[in-house]
Amino acid sequence: MLLNTILLALRSIRRNLLRSFLTMLGIVIGVGAVIAMVTLGNGATRAVHDQIASLGSNLLMVRTGQRMGQGGSGAPAFKEADAEAIALQIGGIRAVAAEARTGATVVANGRNWTTTVTGGSAGWIAAANWTLSAGRQFDDGEQRA
């Protein structure tokens, strides 16, 4: 019985070669597309995971909030003394870093770019879990200046 079923299937494939080829091609393309999508999804998941892990597992960022009320102006920016107070008053902190950001226009070779300029205190590299590839960190005197 099984042998008759196999012979009937092979005869049907032989009689309809183009249909059989197109069906097989569709299956191969479908399986290939599923494999490609799963691979891309896994790669994107890994990239996001690595970016989050690069921030550090014990990182807490404190930012100013937004005032509600008339005018809608933002809350006042933190001062360097605020960062120092956090470092002194909260135990178990490895690094505290102040950060300032502003927009700027960079001009080079006759072209203009609008970009963000970020500056940070000496503890910023340790807080971000980065290492310097060249050069050195500012010492305390340079930081104050």
C-alpha atoms as a PDB file:
ATOM      1  CA  MET A   1       0.000   0.000   0.000  1.00  0.00           C
ATOM      2  CA  LEU A   2       2.789   2.459   0.936  1.00  0.00           C
ATOM      3  CA  LEU A   3       4.712   1.481  -2.191  1.00  0.00           C
ATOM      4  CA  ASN A   4       1.660   2.220  -4.368  1.00  0.00           C
ATOM      5  CA  THR A   5       1.294   5.658  -2.745  1.00  0.00           C
ATOM      6  CA  ILE A   6       4.956   6.493  -3.388  1.00  0.00           C
ATOM      7  CA  LEU A   7       4.744   5.342  -7.027  1.00  0.00           C
ATOM      8  CA  LEU A   8       1.592   7.411  -7.552  1.00  0.00           C
ATOM      9  CA  ALA A   9       3.285  10.509  -6.075  1.00  0.00           C
ATOM     10  CA  LEU A  10       6.392  10.086  -8.259  1.00  0.00           C
ATOM     11  CA  ARG A  11       4.235   9.633 -11.392  1.00  0.00           C
ATOM     12  CA  SER A  12       2.291  12.804 -10.519  1.00  0.00           C
ATOM     13  CA  ILE A  13       5.532  14.757 -10.031  1.00  0.00           C
ATOM     14  CA  ARG A  14       6.865  13.514 -13.385  1.00  0.00           C
ATOM     15  CA  ARG A  15       3.674  14.507 -15.243  1.00  0.00           C
ATOM     16  CA  ASN A  16       3.651  18.053 -13.773  1.00  0.00           C
ATOM     17  CA  LEU A  17       7.362  18.999 -13.744  1.00  0.00           C
ATOM     18  CA  LEU A  18       6.881  22.776 -13.931  1.00  0.00           C
ATOM     19  CA  ARG A  19       4.264  22.786 -11.167  1.00  0.00           C
ATOM     20  CA  SER A  20       6.459  20.541  -9.014  1.00  0.00           C
ATOM     21  CA  PHE A  21       9.511  22.749  -9.603  1.00  0.00           C
ATOM     22  CA  LEU A  22       7.607  25.939  -8.741  1.00  0.00           C
ATOM     23  CA  THR A  23       6.174  24.347  -5.591  1.00  0.00           C
ATOM     24  CA  MET A  24       9.635  23.224  -4.514  1.00  0.00           C
ATOM     25  CA  LEU A  25      11.042  26.693  -5.273  1.00  0.00           C
ATOM     26  CA  GLY A  26       8.317  28.317  -3.169  1.00  0.00           C
ATOM     27  CA  ILE A  27       9.078  26.043  -0.229  1.00  0.00           C
ATOM     28  CA  VAL A  28      12.826  26.737  -0.457  1.00  0.00           C
ATOM     29  CA  ILE A  29      12.299  30.507  -0.667  1.00  0.00           C
ATOM     30  CA  GLY A  30       9.832  30.422   2.255  1.00  0.00           C
ATOM     31  CA  VAL A  31      12.153  28.409   4.495  1.00  0.00           C
ATOM     32  CA  GLY A  32      15.069  30.680   3.538  1.00  0.00           C
ATOM     33  CA  ALA A  33      13.028  33.796   4.377  1.00  0.00           C
ATOM     34  CA  VAL A  34      12.048  32.395   7.782  1.00  0.00           C
ATOM     35  CA  ILE A  35      15.684  31.535   8.571  1.00  0.00           C
ATOM     36  CA  ALA A  36      16.835  35.015   7.482  1.00  0.00           C
ATOM     37  CA  MET A  37      14.196  36.779   9.597  1.00  0.00           C
ATOM     38  CA  VAL A  38      14.996  34.713  12.688  1.00  0.00           C
ATOM     39  CA  THR A  39      18.722  35.418  12.221  1.00  0.00           C
ATOM     40  CA  LEU A  40      18.117  39.167  11.807  1.00  0.00           C
ATOM     41  CA  GLY A  41      15.835  39.219  14.847  1.00  0.00           C
ATOM     42  CA  ASN A  42      18.432  37.443  16.974  1.00  0.00           C
ATOM     43  CA  GLY A  43      21.138  39.851  15.776  1.00  0.00           C
ATOM     44  CA  ALA A  44      19.008  42.906  16.603  1.00  0.00           C
ATOM     45  CA  THR A  45      18.177  41.468  20.021  1.00  0.00           C
ATOM     46  CA  ARG A  46      21.871  40.872  20.722  1.00  0.00           C
ATOM     47  CA  ALA A  47      22.789  44.415  19.612  1.00  0.00           C
ATOM     48  CA  VAL A  48      20.194  45.982  21.929  1.00  0.00           C
ATOM     49  CA  HIS A  49      21.285  43.726  24.790  1.00  0.00           C
ATOM     50  CA  ASP A  50      24.949  44.697  24.288  1.00  0.00           C
ATOM     51  CA  GLN A  51      24.091  48.413  24.234  1.00  0.00           C
ATOM     52  CA  ILE A  52      22.125  48.146  27.459  1.00  0.00           C
ATOM     53  CA  ALA A  53      24.873  46.049  29.069  1.00  0.00           C
ATOM     54  CA  SER A  54      27.484  48.664  28.102  1.00  0.00           C
ATOM     55  CA  LEU A  55      25.670  51.168  30.335  1.00  0.00           C
ATOM     56  CA  GLY A  56      26.453  49.025  33.341  1.00  0.00           C
ATOM     57  CA  SER A  57      24.225  46.985  35.567  1.00  0.00           C
ATOM     58  CA  ASN A  58      24.335  49.452  38.470  1.00  0.00           C
ATOM     59  CA  LEU A  59      23.881  52.754  36.668  1.00  0.00           C
ATOM     60  CA  LEU A  60      21.453  55.399  37.866  1.00  0.00           C
ATOM     61  CA  MET A  61      21.051  58.615  35.885  1.00  0.00           C
ATOM     62  CA  VAL A  62      19.503  61.605  37.654  1.00  0.00           C
ATOM     63  CA  ARG A  63      18.182  64.369  35.420  1.00  0.00           C
ATOM     64  CA  THR A  64      16.222  67.520  36.031  1.00  0.00           C
ATOM     65  CA  GLY A  65      12.484  67.312  35.609  1.00  0.00           C
ATOM     66  CA  GLN A  66       9.974  69.625  34.061  1.00  0.00           C
ATOM     67  CA  ARG A  67       8.044  72.218  35.992  1.00  0.00           C
ATOM     68  CA  MET A  68       4.327  72.160  35.619  1.00  0.00           C
ATOM     69  CA  GLY A  69       2.550  75.452  35.701  1.00  0.00           C
ATOM     70  CA  GLN A  70       2.678  78.801  34.027  1.00  0.00           C
ATOM     71  CA  GLY A  71       5.231  79.373  31.329  1.00  0.00           C
ATOM     72  CA  GLY A  72       6.149  75.685  30.985  1.00  0.00           C
ATOM     73  CA  SER A  73       9.819  76.434  31.571  1.00  0.00           C
ATOM     74  CA  GLY A  74      12.019  73.526  32.589  1.00  0.00           C
ATOM     75  CA  ALA A  75      13.374  72.896  36.049  1.00  0.00           C
ATOM     76  CA  PRO A  76      16.692  74.547  36.903  1.00  0.00           C
ATOM     77  CA  ALA A  77      19.769  72.600  35.881  1.00  0.00           C
ATOM     78  CA  PHE A  78      21.821  70.718  38.452  1.00  0.00           C
ATOM     79  CA  LYS A  79      24.936  72.396  39.751  1.00  0.00           C
ATOM     80  CA  GLU A  80      28.278  70.703  40.301  1.00  0.00           C
ATOM     81  CA  ALA A  81      27.626  71.003  44.033  1.00  0.00           C
ATOM     82  CA  ASP A  82      24.576  68.755  43.567  1.00  0.00           C
ATOM     83  CA  ALA A  83      26.763  65.994  42.100  1.00  0.00           C
ATOM     84  CA  GLU A  84      29.250  66.409  44.949  1.00  0.00           C
ATOM     85  CA  ALA A  85      26.422  66.186  47.500  1.00  0.00           C
ATOM     86  CA  ILE A  86      25.212  62.937  45.972  1.00  0.00           C
ATOM     87  CA  ALA A  87      28.730  61.508  46.135  1.00  0.00           C
ATOM     88  CA  LEU A  88      29.171  62.515  49.799  1.00  0.00           C
ATOM     89  CA  GLN A  89      25.738  61.681  51.173  1.00  0.00           C
ATOM     90  CA  ILE A  90      24.974  58.355  49.481  1.00  0.00           C
ATOM     91  CA  GLY A  91      27.153  55.399  50.410  1.00  0.00           C
ATOM     92  CA  GLY A  92      28.386  52.667  48.102  1.00  0.00           C
ATOM     93  CA  ILE A  93      28.716  54.846  45.023  1.00  0.00           C
ATOM     94  CA  ARG A  94      31.714  54.052  42.849  1.00  0.00           C
ATOM     95  CA  ALA A  95      31.516  57.143  40.653  1.00  0.00           C
ATOM     96  CA  VAL A  96      29.427  60.294  40.298  1.00  0.00           C
ATOM     97  CA  ALA A  97      29.670  62.273  37.120  1.00  0.00           C
ATOM     98  CA  ALA A  98      28.191  65.575  36.089  1.00  0.00           C
ATOM     99  CA  GLU A  99      27.342  65.997  32.447  1.00  0.00           C
ATOM    100  CA  ALA A 100      26.392  68.993  30.311  1.00  0.00           C
ATOM    101  CA  ARG A 101      25.037  68.906  26.756  1.00  0.00           C
ATOM    102  CA  THR A 102      24.426  71.628  24.244  1.00  0.00           C
ATOM    103  CA  GLY A 103      23.830  71.936  20.550  1.00  0.00           C
ATOM    104  CA  ALA A 104      26.511  73.390  18.305  1.00  0.00           C
ATOM    105  CA  THR A 105      27.258  73.952  14.639  1.00  0.00           C
ATOM    106  CA  VAL A 106      30.547  72.482  13.466  1.00  0.00           C
ATOM    107  CA  VAL A 107      32.221  73.999  10.408  1.00  0.00           C
ATOM    108  CA  ALA A 108      34.939  72.091   8.568  1.00  0.00           C
ATOM    109  CA  ASN A 109      36.090  72.097   4.938  1.00  0.00           C
ATOM    110  CA  GLY A 110      33.337  74.509   3.962  1.00  0.00           C
ATOM    111  CA  ARG A 111      30.545  72.292   5.340  1.00  0.00           C
ATOM    112  CA  ASN A 112      28.292  72.827   8.370  1.00  0.00           C
ATOM    113  CA  TRP A 113      26.961  70.150  10.715  1.00  0.00           C
ATOM    114  CA  THR A 114      24.602  70.570  13.625  1.00  0.00           C
ATOM    115  CA  THR A 115      25.609  68.238  16.429  1.00  0.00           C
ATOM    116  CA  THR A 116      25.450  67.734  20.176  1.00  0.00           C
ATOM    117  CA  VAL A 117      28.474  68.531  22.323  1.00  0.00           C
ATOM    118  CA  THR A 118      28.742  66.609  25.609  1.00  0.00           C
ATOM    119  CA  GLY A 119      31.072  67.494  28.450  1.00  0.00           C
ATOM    120  CA  GLY A 120      31.498  65.549  31.650  1.00  0.00           C
ATOM    121  CA  SER A 121      33.388  65.615  34.914  1.00  0.00           C
ATOM    122  CA  ALA A 122      36.307  63.323  35.708  1.00  0.00           C
ATOM    123  CA  GLY A 123      34.082  60.514  37.005  1.00  0.00           C
ATOM    124  CA  TRP A 124      32.134  60.323  33.753  1.00  0.00           C
ATOM    125  CA  ILE A 125      34.383  57.699  32.148  1.00  0.00           C
ATOM    126  CA  ALA A 126      34.199  55.423  35.204  1.00  0.00           C
ATOM    127  CA  ALA A 127      30.430  55.925  35.546  1.00  0.00           C
ATOM    128  CA  ALA A 128      29.877  55.055  31.897  1.00  0.00           C
ATOM    129  CA  ASN A 129      32.113  51.962  32.279  1.00  0.00           C
ATOM    130  CA  TRP A 130      34.445  53.154  29.523  1.00  0.00           C
ATOM    131  CA  THR A 131      38.219  52.873  29.180  1.00  0.00           C
ATOM    132  CA  LEU A 132      40.524  55.330  27.464  1.00  0.00           C
ATOM    133  CA  SER A 133      42.207  53.964  24.354  1.00  0.00           C
ATOM    134  CA  ALA A 134      44.777  56.780  24.290  1.00  0.00           C
ATOM    135  CA  GLY A 135      45.741  59.785  26.382  1.00  0.00           C
ATOM    136  CA  ARG A 136      44.878  60.376  30.026  1.00  0.00           C
ATOM    137  CA  GLN A 137      42.116  61.755  32.189  1.00  0.00           C
ATOM    138  CA  PHE A 138      42.153  65.316  33.489  1.00  0.00           C
ATOM    139  CA  ASP A 139      43.601  65.705  36.965  1.00  0.00           C
ATOM    140  CA  ASP A 140      41.742  67.643  39.674  1.00  0.00           C
ATOM    141  CA  GLY A 141      43.428  70.972  38.863  1.00  0.00           C
ATOM    142  CA  GLU A 142      42.581  70.706  35.180  1.00  0.00           C
ATOM    143  CA  GLN A 143      39.034  69.700  36.053  1.00  0.00           C
ATOM    144  CA  ARG A 144      38.536  72.757  38.281  1.00  0.00           C
ATOM    145  CA  ALA A 145      40.003  75.049  35.611  1.00  0.00           C
END
